[in-house]
Protein backbone atom coordinates (compact mmCIF):
# COMPACT_ATOMS: atom_id res chain seq x y z
CA MET A 1 0.01 -0.04 0.04
CA PRO A 2 1.02 3.62 -0.28
CA GLU A 3 3.61 4.67 2.52
CA LEU A 4 3.82 7.65 4.76
CA PRO A 5 4.98 10.24 1.99
CA GLU A 6 2.09 9.29 -0.43
CA ILE A 7 -0.56 9.38 2.29
CA GLU A 8 0.71 12.73 3.59
CA LEU A 9 0.62 14.20 0.28
CA LEU A 10 -2.78 12.97 -0.46
CA ARG A 11 -4.00 14.41 2.85
CA ARG A 12 -2.61 17.82 2.01
CA ASP A 13 -4.25 17.78 -1.42
CA LEU A 14 -7.63 16.77 0.07
CA GLU A 15 -7.22 19.50 2.81
CA ARG A 16 -6.70 22.05 0.05
CA GLU A 17 -9.42 20.75 -2.26
CA ILE A 18 -12.29 19.77 0.08
CA GLY A 19 -11.37 20.73 3.67
CA ASP A 20 -14.37 22.86 4.31
CA ARG A 21 -16.91 21.96 1.63
CA LYS A 22 -20.52 20.91 2.12
CA ILE A 23 -21.68 17.53 0.99
CA LYS A 24 -24.79 17.60 -1.21
CA ALA A 25 -24.97 13.85 -1.98
CA VAL A 26 -23.36 10.52 -1.49
CA GLU A 27 -23.25 7.56 -3.74
CA VAL A 28 -21.77 4.12 -2.81
CA PRO A 29 -21.58 1.98 -5.98
CA VAL A 30 -19.51 -0.73 -4.32
CA ALA A 31 -21.26 -1.65 -0.94
CA GLY A 32 -18.17 -3.64 0.33
CA VAL A 33 -16.07 -0.45 0.66
CA VAL A 34 -18.19 0.60 3.79
CA ARG A 35 -17.12 -1.16 6.92
CA HIS A 36 -19.39 0.85 9.29
CA PRO A 37 -22.27 1.70 9.23
CA THR A 38 -24.26 0.44 6.30
CA ARG A 39 -24.11 1.96 2.84
CA LYS A 40 -27.55 3.46 3.29
CA ALA A 41 -26.78 4.95 6.75
CA LEU A 42 -23.48 6.38 5.56
CA ALA A 43 -25.13 8.33 2.78
CA ALA A 44 -27.92 9.51 5.18
CA ALA A 45 -25.40 10.67 7.78
CA LEU A 46 -23.15 12.58 5.37
CA GLU A 47 -25.57 14.34 3.19
CA GLY A 48 -25.95 17.98 4.05
CA GLU A 49 -22.97 17.91 6.44
CA LYS A 50 -19.95 20.29 6.22
CA LEU A 51 -16.48 18.99 6.30
CA SER A 52 -14.17 20.21 9.00
CA GLY A 53 -10.67 19.55 7.73
CA VAL A 54 -8.63 16.54 6.57
CA THR A 55 -6.08 14.96 8.90
CA ARG A 56 -4.11 11.61 9.04
CA ARG A 57 -3.90 8.90 11.65
CA GLY A 58 -0.92 7.01 10.49
CA LEU A 59 -1.80 5.84 6.97
CA VAL A 60 -5.59 6.39 7.53
CA ILE A 61 -7.26 9.56 6.12
CA ASN A 62 -9.55 11.35 8.53
CA ILE A 63 -11.98 13.61 6.96
CA GLY A 64 -13.69 15.63 9.66
CA ILE A 65 -17.40 15.81 9.61
CA ALA A 66 -19.08 18.85 11.20
CA GLY A 67 -16.46 18.91 13.84
CA THR A 68 -18.01 16.04 15.68
CA HIS A 69 -17.54 12.86 13.46
CA ALA A 70 -14.83 11.34 11.26
CA LEU A 71 -14.89 9.83 7.78
CA LEU A 72 -11.93 7.19 7.99
CA ILE A 73 -10.45 6.01 4.68
CA TRP A 74 -8.07 3.19 4.45
CA VAL A 75 -6.12 3.40 1.06
CA GLY A 76 -5.09 0.32 -0.91
CA ASP A 77 -2.35 -0.25 -3.44
CA ARG A 78 -4.43 0.73 -6.40
CA THR A 79 -6.85 3.11 -4.76
CA ARG A 80 -7.04 6.49 -6.32
CA PHE A 81 -8.87 9.70 -5.46
CA THR A 82 -10.13 11.80 -8.33
CA ARG A 83 -11.84 15.26 -8.87
CA ASN A 84 -14.69 15.07 -11.15
CA GLN A 85 -17.72 16.85 -12.45
CA ALA A 86 -21.06 15.26 -11.77
CA LYS A 87 -21.77 14.90 -15.71
CA GLU A 88 -18.63 12.66 -16.07
CA PRO A 89 -19.34 8.97 -16.22
CA LEU A 90 -18.25 6.72 -13.40
CA GLU A 91 -14.83 5.03 -14.00
CA ARG A 92 -14.99 1.20 -13.59
CA GLY A 93 -14.12 0.44 -9.85
CA THR A 94 -15.53 3.71 -8.50
CA ALA A 95 -16.39 2.86 -4.75
CA LEU A 96 -17.57 6.09 -3.21
CA VAL A 97 -18.72 9.44 -4.66
CA LEU A 98 -19.06 12.64 -2.69
CA SER A 99 -20.85 15.45 -4.37
CA PHE A 100 -20.41 18.96 -3.08
CA THR A 101 -22.84 21.92 -3.15
CA GLN A 102 -19.88 23.77 -4.85
CA GLY A 103 -16.87 22.29 -6.51
CA GLY A 104 -18.02 19.13 -8.15
CA GLN A 105 -17.32 15.59 -6.84
CA LEU A 106 -14.60 13.58 -5.00
CA ARG A 107 -14.51 10.03 -6.12
CA ILE A 108 -12.60 7.04 -4.67
CA VAL A 109 -11.68 4.59 -7.36
CA ASP A 110 -10.81 1.20 -5.99
CA PRO A 111 -10.64 -1.45 -8.85
CA ALA A 112 -8.94 -4.15 -6.57
CA LYS A 113 -11.39 -3.49 -3.74
CA GLU A 114 -8.73 -2.80 -1.24
CA ALA A 115 -10.06 0.49 0.21
CA ALA A 116 -12.35 0.85 3.28
CA VAL A 117 -14.51 3.56 4.68
CA GLU A 118 -15.94 3.98 8.20
CA TYR A 119 -18.08 6.70 9.69
CA LEU A 120 -17.72 7.29 13.43
CA ALA A 121 -18.09 9.82 16.18
CA ALA A 122 -14.70 11.39 16.70
CA ASP A 123 -14.56 10.21 20.38
CA GLU A 124 -15.23 6.67 19.34
CA VAL A 125 -12.24 6.34 16.90
CA ASP A 126 -9.61 5.15 19.38
CA ASP A 127 -12.11 2.68 21.12
CA ARG A 128 -12.89 1.17 17.82
CA HIS A 129 -9.48 1.21 16.47
CA PRO A 130 -6.91 0.84 19.40
CA GLU A 131 -4.13 0.28 16.78
CA LEU A 132 -4.36 3.94 15.87
CA ALA A 133 -3.73 5.01 19.39
CA ALA A 134 -0.53 2.73 19.52
CA LEU A 135 1.07 4.24 16.46
CA GLY A 136 4.81 5.03 16.87
CA LEU A 137 6.98 8.04 15.72
CA ASP A 138 5.77 9.97 12.71
CA ALA A 139 8.56 11.44 10.80
CA VAL A 140 6.18 14.06 9.05
CA ASP A 141 3.67 14.92 11.75
CA GLU A 142 6.21 15.79 14.40
CA PRO A 143 9.79 16.73 14.89
CA ILE A 144 11.72 13.71 16.24
CA SER A 145 14.97 14.06 18.24
CA TRP A 146 17.65 11.54 17.54
CA THR A 147 17.72 10.78 21.39
CA SER A 148 13.99 9.93 21.33
CA PHE A 149 14.50 7.79 18.10
CA GLY A 150 17.47 5.86 19.56
CA GLU A 151 15.69 5.31 22.98
CA ALA A 152 12.59 3.88 21.08
CA LEU A 153 14.80 1.83 18.78
CA MET A 154 16.90 0.27 21.60
CA ARG A 155 13.65 -0.93 23.28
CA ARG A 156 13.14 -3.16 20.21
CA ASP A 157 14.50 -6.60 19.37
CA GLY A 158 14.75 -7.95 15.82
CA LYS A 159 16.04 -7.11 12.41
CA LEU A 160 16.13 -3.51 11.41
CA LYS A 161 13.91 -3.83 8.42
CA SER A 162 11.20 -5.46 10.42
CA ILE A 163 11.53 -2.83 13.19
CA LEU A 164 11.26 0.02 10.68
CA MET A 165 8.14 -1.43 9.20
CA ASP A 166 6.49 -1.97 12.55
CA PRO A 167 3.83 0.89 12.81
CA THR A 168 4.20 0.90 16.63
CA PHE A 169 7.79 2.09 16.07
CA MET A 170 7.59 4.23 12.87
CA VAL A 171 4.38 5.24 11.19
CA GLY A 172 4.08 4.42 7.39
CA ILE A 173 7.56 3.05 6.45
CA GLY A 174 7.02 0.06 4.24
CA PRO A 175 9.11 -2.07 1.83
CA ILE A 176 10.25 0.82 -0.37
CA TYR A 177 11.26 3.39 2.23
CA SER A 178 12.70 0.83 4.61
CA ASP A 179 15.07 -0.33 1.81
CA GLU A 180 16.01 3.26 0.95
CA ILE A 181 16.49 4.29 4.58
CA LEU A 182 18.82 1.26 5.22
CA PHE A 183 20.84 1.93 2.11
CA HIS A 184 21.44 5.67 3.06
CA SER A 185 22.42 4.62 6.56
CA GLY A 186 24.79 1.98 5.39
CA LEU A 187 23.18 -0.66 7.40
CA ARG A 188 22.08 -4.20 6.42
CA TYR A 189 18.50 -5.19 6.69
CA ASP A 190 19.18 -8.07 9.05
CA ARG A 191 21.29 -6.13 11.64
CA THR A 192 19.90 -6.28 15.14
CA THR A 193 19.60 -3.35 17.48
CA ALA A 194 21.98 -4.89 19.92
CA SER A 195 24.72 -4.68 17.37
CA LEU A 196 24.30 -0.90 16.61
CA SER A 197 26.82 1.72 17.90
CA ALA A 198 25.74 5.20 18.69
CA GLN A 199 27.14 6.54 15.43
CA GLU A 200 25.08 3.90 13.46
CA ILE A 201 21.92 4.87 15.31
CA ARG A 202 22.59 8.59 14.42
CA ARG A 203 23.02 7.56 10.77
CA LEU A 204 19.86 5.55 10.80
CA TYR A 205 17.95 8.54 12.41
CA ARG A 206 19.27 10.93 9.78
CA ALA A 207 18.38 8.47 6.96
CA VAL A 208 14.74 8.09 8.23
CA VAL A 209 14.29 11.91 8.45
CA GLU A 210 15.91 12.80 5.27
CA THR A 211 14.48 10.02 3.13
CA VAL A 212 10.89 10.68 4.22
CA HIS A 213 11.16 14.33 3.70
CA GLU A 214 12.83 14.08 0.37
CA ALA A 215 10.01 11.62 -0.83
CA VAL A 216 7.37 14.23 0.25
CA LYS A 217 9.28 16.96 -1.56
CA TYR A 218 9.29 15.14 -4.83
CA GLY A 219 5.83 13.85 -4.75
CA GLY A 220 6.11 10.38 -3.48
CA THR A 221 7.15 7.15 -5.20
CA SER A 222 5.07 5.56 -8.13
CA ILE A 223 6.36 2.13 -9.17
CA GLY A 224 4.78 0.33 -12.12
CA ASP A 225 1.98 1.42 -14.59
CA ASP A 226 -0.67 1.16 -11.88
CA GLY A 227 1.40 2.79 -9.14
CA TRP A 228 0.42 5.52 -6.73
CA VAL A 229 -0.86 8.69 -8.30
CA GLY A 230 -1.93 11.94 -6.40
CA LEU A 231 -5.20 13.75 -6.51
CA SER A 232 -4.08 15.53 -9.71
CA GLY A 233 -3.67 12.32 -11.44
CA GLU A 234 0.21 12.72 -11.59
CA PRO A 235 2.67 10.05 -10.33
CA GLY A 236 5.31 11.00 -7.81
CA ASP A 237 8.78 11.98 -9.01
CA TYR A 238 10.82 10.36 -6.14
CA GLY A 239 11.10 7.30 -8.23
CA GLN A 240 14.09 8.77 -10.03
CA TYR A 241 15.89 8.97 -6.68
CA ILE A 242 15.30 5.53 -5.54
CA ALA A 243 18.74 3.90 -4.89
CA VAL A 244 18.00 0.18 -4.31
CA HIS A 245 14.40 -0.82 -4.10
CA ARG A 246 13.61 -3.23 -7.04
CA ARG A 247 16.81 -2.25 -8.64
CA ASP A 248 18.49 -5.71 -8.23
CA GLY A 249 21.13 -6.43 -10.98
CA GLU A 250 21.83 -2.62 -11.36
CA MET A 251 25.16 -1.16 -10.39
CA SER A 252 24.99 0.18 -6.76
CA PRO A 253 25.18 3.91 -6.57
CA ARG A 254 28.09 3.54 -4.13
CA ALA A 255 30.09 0.51 -5.14
CA ARG A 256 31.41 -1.36 -8.08
CA GLY A 257 28.90 -4.19 -7.71
CA PRO A 258 25.26 -5.01 -8.34
CA ILE A 259 22.30 -4.36 -6.01
CA VAL A 260 21.30 -7.60 -4.41
CA LYS A 261 17.79 -8.94 -3.92
CA ALA A 262 17.16 -11.26 -0.93
CA ARG A 263 14.14 -12.87 0.41
CA PHE A 264 12.70 -11.23 3.57
CA GLY A 265 9.62 -12.50 5.29
CA ASN A 266 6.88 -12.71 2.77
CA GLY A 267 8.50 -10.49 0.23
CA TYR A 268 12.09 -9.28 -0.73
CA THR A 269 14.54 -6.68 0.36
CA TYR A 270 17.03 -4.90 -1.83
CA PHE A 271 20.53 -3.66 -0.66
CA CYS A 272 24.23 -2.98 -1.60
CA GLU A 273 26.16 -5.84 -0.37
CA GLN A 274 29.43 -3.90 -0.28
CA THR A 275 28.49 -0.70 1.54
CA GLN A 276 25.65 -1.90 3.90
CA VAL A 277 27.19 -3.63 6.72
């Protein structure tokens, strides 16, 4: 699924485009996208309500409704948000349509049926989703000191790639950015926290902050023909700066040797065998 930079970019675009608009009508062409309440109840609850800003809980988009409720949206790998006029035909896979009193429509297109939507009272969110209350450090949402990063890291056991991708440690770091962070820090994916020196922890911290913020700066990462695109429909530009992820067989940017692909969990990891130690 999209990682932290992509979801943060989407949040910013949505805040700018629809943050204070009033909903005129709601269509739910795909019933399965609504987790709670029912499709009919969701439409009835949203129609006529004014939006009260767009925030983010980890990788979950949180559209405020009238200051008292939240429309939570989980985004899948191929989920797209589009701006449309009402007269435009629905694209295949359109799962949710919000029509506004001014400014056309916002549509969620979800051909793989990976997205999910819930409408809840704002004070019920943490009770219904305790995993959102247990999220770890957020490299976009708040400044992180290297000492707090190091302390949180050293409380963890396991391999660095797994720790980076644990949302209770770091928010929104997945296969792409964990590979890039580890490359820029010069650390192997299978190093353990107990083996790290203070200098290596500092390098890892800098790589986390710099990689995430650079990815946001360049519009996120789009991989493949059906990769992530923003609200404008444009893919991210950070792919041109990707150093190792899915670049196995290519020459390493730092060494006279190829990037290596290795099995990791249910997937793969990519790294420079000569410079990541």
